[in-house]
Protein backbone atom coordinates (compact mmCIF):
# COMPACT_ATOMS: atom_id res chain seq x y z
CA MET A 1 0.00 0.00 0.00
CA ASP A 2 1.35 3.43 -0.96
CA GLY A 3 1.51 6.26 1.54
CA ILE A 4 -1.88 7.85 2.32
CA PRO A 5 -1.61 11.63 2.85
CA LEU A 6 -3.21 13.02 6.00
CA GLY A 7 -6.04 15.46 5.43
CA PRO A 8 -5.96 19.05 6.76
CA GLU A 9 -7.98 18.11 9.85
CA ASP A 10 -5.68 15.16 10.60
CA ARG A 11 -2.55 17.33 10.28
CA ALA A 12 -4.09 20.02 12.51
CA ILE A 13 -4.73 17.45 15.24
CA LEU A 14 -1.14 16.21 15.03
CA ALA A 15 0.13 19.78 15.36
CA LEU A 16 -2.11 20.38 18.38
CA GLU A 17 -0.51 17.61 20.46
CA SER A 18 2.11 18.74 22.95
CA GLU A 19 3.69 17.72 26.24
CA THR A 20 0.43 18.57 28.03
CA VAL A 21 -2.20 18.04 25.31
CA ALA A 22 -2.98 14.43 24.39
CA GLY A 23 -3.91 13.81 20.77
CA HIS A 24 -5.67 10.51 21.36
CA THR A 25 -9.24 9.67 22.26
CA CYS A 26 -10.24 6.83 24.55
CA LYS A 27 -13.01 4.24 24.34
CA ILE A 28 -13.86 2.10 27.39
CA VAL A 29 -15.61 -1.13 26.37
CA ARG A 30 -17.12 -3.24 29.15
CA VAL A 31 -17.32 -6.91 28.11
CA GLY A 32 -19.45 -9.18 30.30
CA ALA A 33 -19.47 -12.87 31.17
CA GLY A 34 -17.17 -14.97 29.02
CA ALA A 35 -14.94 -12.04 28.06
CA PRO A 36 -11.96 -13.28 26.00
CA ASP A 37 -8.55 -13.48 27.61
CA LEU A 38 -5.57 -11.58 26.26
CA GLY A 39 -4.52 -14.38 23.90
CA ALA A 40 -7.98 -14.70 22.36
CA LEU A 41 -8.28 -10.92 21.97
CA ARG A 42 -4.91 -10.73 20.22
CA ALA A 43 -5.94 -13.58 17.92
CA ARG A 44 -9.17 -11.75 16.99
CA VAL A 45 -7.25 -8.54 16.19
CA ALA A 46 -4.62 -10.43 14.18
CA GLU A 47 -7.37 -12.17 12.21
CA ARG A 48 -9.22 -8.92 11.47
CA ILE A 49 -6.43 -6.31 11.11
CA ALA A 50 -6.49 -6.54 7.30
CA ARG A 51 -10.04 -5.17 7.38
CA VAL A 52 -8.71 -1.89 8.76
CA PRO A 53 -5.36 -1.40 6.98
CA LEU A 54 -4.75 2.03 8.51
CA LEU A 55 -4.38 0.40 11.93
CA SER A 56 -1.18 -1.28 10.74
CA CYS A 57 0.25 2.00 9.39
CA ARG A 58 2.51 4.50 11.12
CA LEU A 59 3.38 8.10 10.35
CA GLY A 60 5.78 8.69 7.49
CA GLY A 61 6.43 11.14 4.70
CA LEU A 62 8.04 14.55 4.96
CA PRO A 63 7.65 16.89 7.98
CA GLY A 64 5.37 19.23 6.06
CA ALA A 65 3.50 16.46 4.25
CA PRO A 66 2.90 13.53 6.64
CA CYS A 67 1.27 10.36 5.39
CA TRP A 68 0.34 6.92 6.65
CA VAL A 69 2.77 4.20 5.55
CA PRO A 70 2.72 0.46 6.33
CA ASP A 71 4.66 -0.42 9.47
CA PRO A 72 7.09 -3.22 8.50
CA ASP A 73 7.51 -4.11 12.18
CA PHE A 74 3.80 -4.20 13.03
CA ALA A 75 3.02 -6.75 15.75
CA VAL A 76 -0.32 -7.21 17.47
CA GLU A 77 1.47 -7.78 20.81
CA ARG A 78 2.69 -4.16 20.74
CA HIS A 79 -0.86 -2.85 20.46
CA VAL A 80 -2.99 -5.24 22.53
CA GLY A 81 -1.79 -5.70 26.11
CA ALA A 82 -2.90 -6.06 29.71
CA LEU A 83 -2.90 -3.74 32.71
CA LYS A 84 0.13 -4.32 34.94
CA PRO A 85 -0.24 -5.77 37.45
CA PRO A 86 -3.33 -7.57 36.05
CA GLN A 87 -5.34 -7.57 39.28
CA PRO A 88 -9.16 -7.18 39.38
CA CYS A 89 -10.21 -3.55 39.82
CA ASP A 90 -13.22 -2.02 41.49
CA ARG A 91 -14.83 1.00 39.83
CA ARG A 92 -12.55 3.58 41.45
CA ALA A 93 -9.39 1.61 40.65
CA MET A 94 -10.54 1.11 37.07
CA LEU A 95 -11.07 4.86 36.59
CA THR A 96 -7.63 5.54 38.07
CA ALA A 97 -6.12 3.03 35.65
CA VAL A 98 -7.90 4.62 32.69
CA GLY A 99 -6.65 8.07 33.71
CA ALA A 100 -3.08 6.79 34.00
CA LEU A 101 -3.27 5.15 30.57
CA PHE A 102 -4.71 8.32 29.05
CA GLU A 103 -1.71 10.31 30.30
CA GLN A 104 0.69 8.10 28.32
CA ARG A 105 1.52 9.29 24.82
CA LEU A 106 1.22 6.89 21.90
CA PRO A 107 4.69 6.47 20.29
CA ARG A 108 4.74 8.02 16.83
CA ASP A 109 7.09 5.42 15.39
CA ARG A 110 4.27 2.86 15.61
CA PRO A 111 0.62 2.80 14.55
CA LEU A 112 -1.16 5.30 16.81
CA TRP A 113 -3.48 3.07 18.82
CA ARG A 114 -3.45 0.57 21.69
CA ILE A 115 -5.95 -1.62 23.59
CA ASP A 116 -5.27 -2.50 27.24
CA THR A 117 -7.40 -5.06 29.09
CA VAL A 118 -8.42 -4.25 32.67
CA PRO A 119 -10.02 -7.10 34.71
CA LEU A 120 -12.91 -5.96 36.92
CA ASP A 121 -13.83 -7.33 40.32
CA ASP A 122 -17.29 -8.44 39.15
CA GLY A 123 -15.87 -10.79 36.51
CA ALA A 124 -16.22 -8.43 33.55
CA VAL A 125 -13.31 -6.98 31.57
CA ALA A 126 -12.80 -3.40 30.40
CA LEU A 127 -10.99 -2.77 27.14
CA VAL A 128 -9.32 0.63 27.23
CA TRP A 129 -8.81 1.58 23.59
CA ARG A 130 -6.67 4.64 22.90
CA ILE A 131 -6.66 5.78 19.30
CA HIS A 132 -5.12 8.98 18.00
CA HIS A 133 -7.62 11.52 16.74
CA SER A 134 -5.54 12.05 13.57
CA LEU A 135 -6.28 8.40 12.77
CA ALA A 136 -9.97 8.38 13.64
CA ASP A 137 -12.71 10.60 15.00
CA GLY A 138 -15.51 9.15 17.11
CA THR A 139 -17.59 7.89 14.19
CA THR A 140 -14.59 6.30 12.48
CA ALA A 141 -13.42 4.67 15.72
CA LEU A 142 -16.81 2.96 16.09
CA ARG A 143 -16.53 1.74 12.50
CA TYR A 144 -13.07 0.34 13.30
CA ALA A 145 -14.54 -1.43 16.35
CA ARG A 146 -17.18 -3.03 14.16
CA GLU A 147 -14.57 -4.27 11.71
CA LEU A 148 -11.89 -5.27 14.23
CA LEU A 149 -13.77 -6.54 17.30
CA TRP A 150 -17.51 -7.20 17.10
CA ASP A 151 -18.71 -10.63 16.04
CA ASP A 152 -19.85 -10.64 12.42
CA ALA A 153 -23.28 -12.06 13.27
CA ASP A 154 -23.97 -8.84 15.23
CA ALA A 155 -22.31 -6.28 12.97
CA PRO A 156 -22.62 -6.24 9.16
CA SER A 157 -19.32 -5.38 7.52
CA ALA A 158 -18.66 -1.99 6.00
CA ASP A 159 -18.53 -3.64 2.55
CA ALA A 160 -22.06 -4.98 3.09
CA ALA A 161 -23.24 -1.55 4.17
CA ARG A 162 -21.65 0.01 1.08
CA ARG A 163 -23.30 -2.60 -1.16
CA THR A 164 -26.66 -1.75 0.39
CA VAL A 165 -26.12 1.96 -0.15
CA ALA A 166 -24.89 1.41 -3.70
CA SER A 167 -27.86 -0.78 -4.60
CA THR A 168 -30.49 1.58 -3.23
CA ARG A 169 -29.13 5.04 -4.01
CA PRO A 170 -29.47 5.04 -7.84
CA GLY A 171 -33.10 3.98 -7.64
CA ALA A 172 -33.84 6.63 -5.05
CA GLU A 173 -32.19 9.30 -7.18
CA ALA A 174 -34.12 8.19 -10.24
CA ALA A 175 -37.38 8.30 -8.28
CA ALA A 176 -36.53 11.77 -7.05
CA ARG A 177 -35.83 12.92 -10.60
CA ASP A 178 -39.08 11.40 -11.86
CA ALA A 179 -41.04 13.06 -9.05
CA ALA A 180 -39.43 16.48 -9.44
CA PRO A 181 -41.77 19.05 -11.00
CA ALA A 182 -40.80 20.79 -14.20
CA PRO A 183 -39.04 24.11 -13.62
CA PRO A 184 -41.34 27.15 -13.80
CA PRO A 185 -41.03 29.57 -16.70
CA SER A 186 -38.27 32.13 -16.23
CA GLU A 187 -39.24 35.52 -14.79
CA ASP A 188 -38.56 38.68 -16.73
CA ALA A 189 -35.18 40.32 -16.19
CA ALA A 190 -36.38 42.93 -13.67
CA ARG A 191 -38.15 40.45 -11.42
CA GLY A 192 -35.21 38.06 -11.69
CA ALA A 193 -32.77 40.77 -10.62
CA GLU A 194 -35.02 41.71 -7.68
CA ALA A 195 -35.25 38.09 -6.55
CA HIS A 196 -31.49 37.71 -6.87
CA ALA A 197 -30.92 40.83 -4.76
CA ARG A 198 -33.27 39.54 -2.04
CA ASP A 199 -31.53 36.18 -2.04
CA ASP A 200 -28.10 37.82 -1.91
CA ALA A 201 -29.19 39.94 1.07
CA ARG A 202 -30.54 36.84 2.81
CA ARG A 203 -27.20 35.03 2.30
CA ARG A 204 -25.30 38.01 3.72
CA ARG A 205 -27.56 38.11 6.79
CA HIS A 206 -27.11 34.36 7.24
CA LEU A 207 -23.31 34.63 6.95
CA ALA A 208 -23.20 37.55 9.42
CA ALA A 209 -25.34 35.63 11.92
CA PHE A 210 -23.20 32.50 11.45
CA LEU A 211 -19.95 34.42 12.03
CA GLU A 212 -21.40 36.11 15.12
CA ARG A 213 -22.52 32.79 16.58
CA GLU A 214 -19.43 30.76 15.76
CA TYR A 215 -16.59 33.26 16.13
CA ALA A 216 -17.85 35.27 19.09
CA ARG A 217 -15.80 35.45 22.25
CA SER A 218 -17.11 33.95 25.46
CA ARG A 219 -19.12 36.49 27.43
CA ALA A 220 -17.26 35.85 30.68
CA PRO A 221 -14.10 34.15 31.91
CA SER A 222 -14.63 30.44 32.31
CA PRO A 223 -13.88 28.54 35.53
CA PHE A 224 -12.12 26.07 33.24
CA ASP A 225 -9.53 28.63 32.12
CA GLY A 226 -6.10 27.80 33.45
CA ALA A 227 -2.87 25.98 32.85
CA ILE A 228 -3.14 22.46 31.45
CA GLY A 229 -1.11 19.70 33.04
CA ARG A 230 -0.49 16.10 32.02
CA ARG A 231 -2.63 14.55 34.75
CA ARG A 232 -6.01 13.19 33.69
CA GLU A 233 -9.07 12.05 35.61
CA VAL A 234 -11.97 10.14 34.13
CA GLY A 235 -15.57 9.90 35.29
CA LEU A 236 -18.36 7.71 33.95
CA ALA A 237 -22.13 7.90 34.27
CA THR A 238 -24.91 5.83 32.73
CA ALA A 239 -28.39 6.92 31.72
CA SER A 240 -31.21 5.44 29.66
CA LEU A 241 -31.09 7.24 26.32
CA PRO A 242 -34.57 6.03 25.24
CA GLN A 243 -36.08 7.51 28.42
CA LEU A 244 -34.09 10.72 27.94
CA HIS A 245 -35.26 10.93 24.33
CA ASP A 246 -38.92 10.39 25.20
CA ALA A 247 -38.83 12.94 28.04
CA ALA A 248 -37.19 15.61 25.87
CA GLN A 249 -39.61 14.98 23.02
CA ALA A 250 -42.63 15.20 25.31
CA GLN A 251 -41.37 18.37 27.00
CA CYS A 252 -40.79 20.60 23.98
CA GLY A 253 -40.07 18.47 20.92
CA ALA A 254 -36.35 18.43 21.81
CA THR A 255 -33.89 15.77 20.69
CA VAL A 256 -31.80 13.41 22.79
CA ASN A 257 -28.75 15.56 21.94
CA ASP A 258 -30.56 18.61 23.32
CA ALA A 259 -31.32 16.61 26.46
CA VAL A 260 -27.65 15.61 26.86
CA LEU A 261 -26.64 19.28 26.62
CA ALA A 262 -29.32 20.20 29.17
CA VAL A 263 -28.07 17.53 31.59
CA VAL A 264 -24.50 18.77 31.14
CA ALA A 265 -25.70 22.31 31.79
CA GLY A 266 -27.40 21.23 35.03
CA ALA A 267 -24.29 19.39 36.19
CA LEU A 268 -22.07 22.38 35.37
CA ARG A 269 -24.46 24.71 37.20
CA ARG A 270 -24.24 22.64 40.39
CA TRP A 271 -20.46 22.26 40.19
CA ILE A 272 -19.83 25.94 39.50
CA GLU A 273 -22.18 27.05 42.28
CA ARG A 274 -20.34 24.78 44.70
CA HIS A 275 -16.83 25.85 43.70
CA HIS A 276 -17.07 29.30 42.11
CA GLY A 277 -20.39 30.92 43.02
CA THR A 278 -22.67 31.90 40.14
CA LEU A 279 -22.06 32.20 36.42
CA ASP A 280 -24.46 33.25 33.66
CA GLY A 281 -23.31 30.61 31.20
CA VAL A 282 -20.47 28.92 29.43
CA ARG A 283 -19.91 28.70 25.70
CA VAL A 284 -19.57 25.10 24.53
CA ARG A 285 -18.55 23.57 21.24
CA VAL A 286 -20.68 20.70 19.90
CA PRO A 287 -18.98 18.49 17.29
CA VAL A 288 -21.17 17.39 14.36
CA SER A 289 -20.26 14.32 12.27
CA LEU A 290 -20.23 14.93 8.51
CA HIS A 291 -19.56 11.28 7.68
CA HIS A 292 -21.76 9.51 5.17
CA ASP A 293 -22.32 5.80 4.60
CA GLY A 294 -19.35 4.07 3.02
CA ASP A 295 -16.79 6.86 3.37
CA ALA A 296 -13.29 5.97 4.52
CA THR A 297 -12.30 9.37 5.90
CA ALA A 298 -10.56 9.35 9.28
CA ASN A 299 -11.85 12.77 10.38
CA SER A 300 -14.97 14.29 8.89
CA ASP A 301 -16.65 16.49 11.42
CA SER A 302 -17.41 20.11 12.09
CA PHE A 303 -19.12 21.82 15.00
CA PHE A 304 -21.36 24.62 16.15
CA ALA A 305 -21.14 26.64 19.36
CA LEU A 306 -23.77 27.86 21.81
CA GLN A 307 -24.07 29.37 25.27
CA LEU A 308 -25.39 26.99 27.93
CA PRO A 309 -27.87 28.91 30.14
CA LEU A 310 -26.39 28.14 33.54
CA ASP A 311 -28.28 31.01 35.17
CA GLU A 312 -31.60 29.19 34.58
CA PRO A 313 -32.53 27.02 37.61
CA ASP A 314 -35.44 25.17 35.99
CA PRO A 315 -34.23 22.13 33.97
CA CYS A 316 -37.24 22.20 31.62
CA THR A 317 -36.69 25.87 30.79
CA ARG A 318 -32.99 25.13 30.21
CA LEU A 319 -33.94 22.33 27.83
CA SER A 320 -36.31 24.60 25.89
CA ALA A 321 -33.65 27.32 25.56
CA ILE A 322 -31.05 24.83 24.35
CA HIS A 323 -33.51 23.27 21.90
CA ALA A 324 -34.27 26.71 20.43
CA ALA A 325 -30.54 27.44 20.03
CA THR A 326 -29.68 24.10 18.39
CA THR A 327 -32.73 24.34 16.10
CA THR A 328 -31.44 27.64 14.73
CA ARG A 329 -27.97 26.22 14.14
CA LYS A 330 -29.33 23.13 12.42
CA ALA A 331 -31.76 25.11 10.27
CA ASP A 332 -28.95 27.43 9.14
CA HIS A 333 -26.52 24.50 8.72
CA ASP A 334 -23.86 26.16 10.87
CA ALA A 335 -21.62 23.08 11.06
CA GLU A 336 -21.72 22.58 7.30
CA SER A 337 -21.19 26.32 6.74
CA ARG A 338 -18.07 26.25 8.92
CA ALA A 339 -16.63 23.30 6.99
CA GLU A 340 -17.39 24.96 3.64
CA LEU A 341 -15.93 28.28 4.82
CA LEU A 342 -12.65 26.61 5.76
CA ARG A 343 -12.54 24.75 2.43
CA GLU A 344 -13.05 27.98 0.50
CA LEU A 345 -10.43 29.78 2.59
CA GLY A 346 -8.01 26.93 1.92
CA ARG A 347 -8.55 27.24 -1.82
CA ALA A 348 -7.98 30.99 -1.70
CA SER A 349 -5.08 30.94 0.77
CA PRO A 350 -3.86 28.08 2.99
CA ARG A 351 -2.39 30.70 5.35
CA LEU A 352 -5.82 32.33 5.70
CA ARG A 353 -7.38 28.96 6.47
CA ASP A 354 -4.70 28.30 9.12
CA PHE A 355 -5.38 31.71 10.66
CA ALA A 356 -9.13 31.01 10.86
CA THR A 357 -8.42 27.59 12.40
CA ARG A 358 -6.14 29.13 15.05
CA LEU A 359 -8.80 31.77 15.73
CA GLU A 360 -11.35 29.02 16.39
CA ARG A 361 -9.03 27.33 18.88
CA ASN A 362 -8.53 30.47 20.94
CA PRO A 363 -9.44 29.62 24.57
CA ARG A 364 -11.87 32.55 24.62
CA ARG A 365 -13.96 31.07 21.80
CA PHE A 366 -15.35 28.25 23.93
CA ALA A 367 -14.95 26.76 27.41
CA LEU A 368 -15.82 23.11 26.85
CA SER A 369 -16.43 20.61 24.09
CA VAL A 370 -19.50 18.40 24.56
CA SER A 371 -19.35 15.46 22.18
CA ASN A 372 -21.89 12.73 21.53
CA VAL A 373 -20.77 9.65 19.58
CA ARG A 374 -23.44 7.24 18.38
CA GLY A 375 -22.76 3.71 19.60
CA PRO A 376 -23.84 0.42 17.98
CA ARG A 377 -27.49 0.47 16.97
CA ALA A 378 -28.04 -3.05 18.33
CA ALA A 379 -26.46 -5.30 20.94
CA VAL A 380 -23.03 -6.59 19.91
CA ARG A 381 -20.74 -9.35 21.17
CA LEU A 382 -17.00 -9.95 21.26
CA LEU A 383 -16.05 -13.60 20.71
CA GLY A 384 -19.46 -14.55 22.08
CA ALA A 385 -19.30 -12.34 25.19
CA PRO A 386 -21.81 -9.47 25.49
CA VAL A 387 -20.56 -5.90 25.11
CA GLU A 388 -22.49 -4.36 27.99
CA ARG A 389 -21.40 -0.72 27.81
CA LEU A 390 -19.28 1.55 25.69
CA HIS A 391 -18.06 4.89 27.06
CA SER A 392 -16.38 7.28 24.66
């Protein structure tokens, strides 16, 4: 396989990593009764690694033009290991172990991922999967898990999904063309010019509103401002997403993502009141996946930003306010507009695109990133053992 150039987003993530900023993400997979031992897990990965060729590639190429190249020394044993010492952990010890693993950098002379097994005191096993964000965003990492880990009976392969998409899309497009009405007769020149002017003014208003929303500075200093160290702590919580979805829908027609943001806002409100007094709100960034079925892109996401109303004590009112804000951003396609803006800037001037990207990363642009990664749509198993939970 020839070298595969990294995209602009992948290179930006590589450049962001430093002594104190980790470039990898972390997935914690809880596998229940009958979880495979280390030898069986390594055998599964060795058997499946050809399905995800990028996972056997390391960084190569020139400093200004990195690419993924096959690692001639690739060995599964270097990437699938066990916690040392391998003693059963309770919940607190498991979280401490995950934090310690997260602090460790992935060596850049090898493929940028690793799975460590952590035995739990209730008989289950946690797989702590670190994968560099330049290699995969959340959506891609879940696709890799499907190809590399889940039993085939539970998870159709990506090739099968692509065949399904390929077999249905042409017919759907033809039906859409057949159903499309004939274009209306053209207007006279004066009315056409007037309509064009109105549309041009609408686009300018939309762009101005988009820039104000996405490039505004936070309204107040954030309690999360401060120096970043290497130490990491991890916390996990579990909630019923179907119940959250139904409650949000019944309350104000909100989505489960709106409900997650509202829950985060409530938690932040309590924490800030306890440690810092009161705060009107914090500006958060919400990643939006731009992946489509069958793509092989490592990173394909954008985001929009909004102010979480921490000054609102009523959770239902907070949910309604957040739903109104996200509805506006979805209707105006803010995430897609940001991605298109950066593409156009890159065509005009790569330096201008880099400046806009650095501007977005300014600590005053947002205080927190709140990300939601869709997990498997149905129950999955690993070598016959149930995958009970997946925390991203």
